[in-house]
Amino acid sequence: MSAEEFRFEIMNVERVGNIKFLYKNAFLTDISEDFLRQKHNTNFTGVNFIVYIAYYAKNTTAAYYGIYPLYFTYKNALSG
C-alpha cells in the first residue's frame, strides 16, 4: 500500500454516505445521513464542511478527518 493509492477529498453533501460507512465499521452502529449532515454542518464558520475523506484504490472509503468548531463561554465571555 503506497501513498499514491490514496486520494483525499473535502467532504460535501454527496459524500455523507461515505462517512456513514466508516462509522458503521468503526463503531458497529448505524446512524442516519441526516445526523451526519447536522453534526458536520459548520456553516456558521463560513465553511460548509471542515472534513476530509481519504479514499483507497478507486473509491473505498479509508479514513476521515474532521474538525468541530464551536463557541463557548469562559468567564462570562463568548469565545470560539
Foldseek 3Di string as FASTA:
>chain_A
DDPVQKDKDFDDLVCLVLVQVVCCVVVVDGDDSVVSLVQQQPVVVVDGGQKMWMAGHPRRTDDIDGDRDDWDADPNDIDD
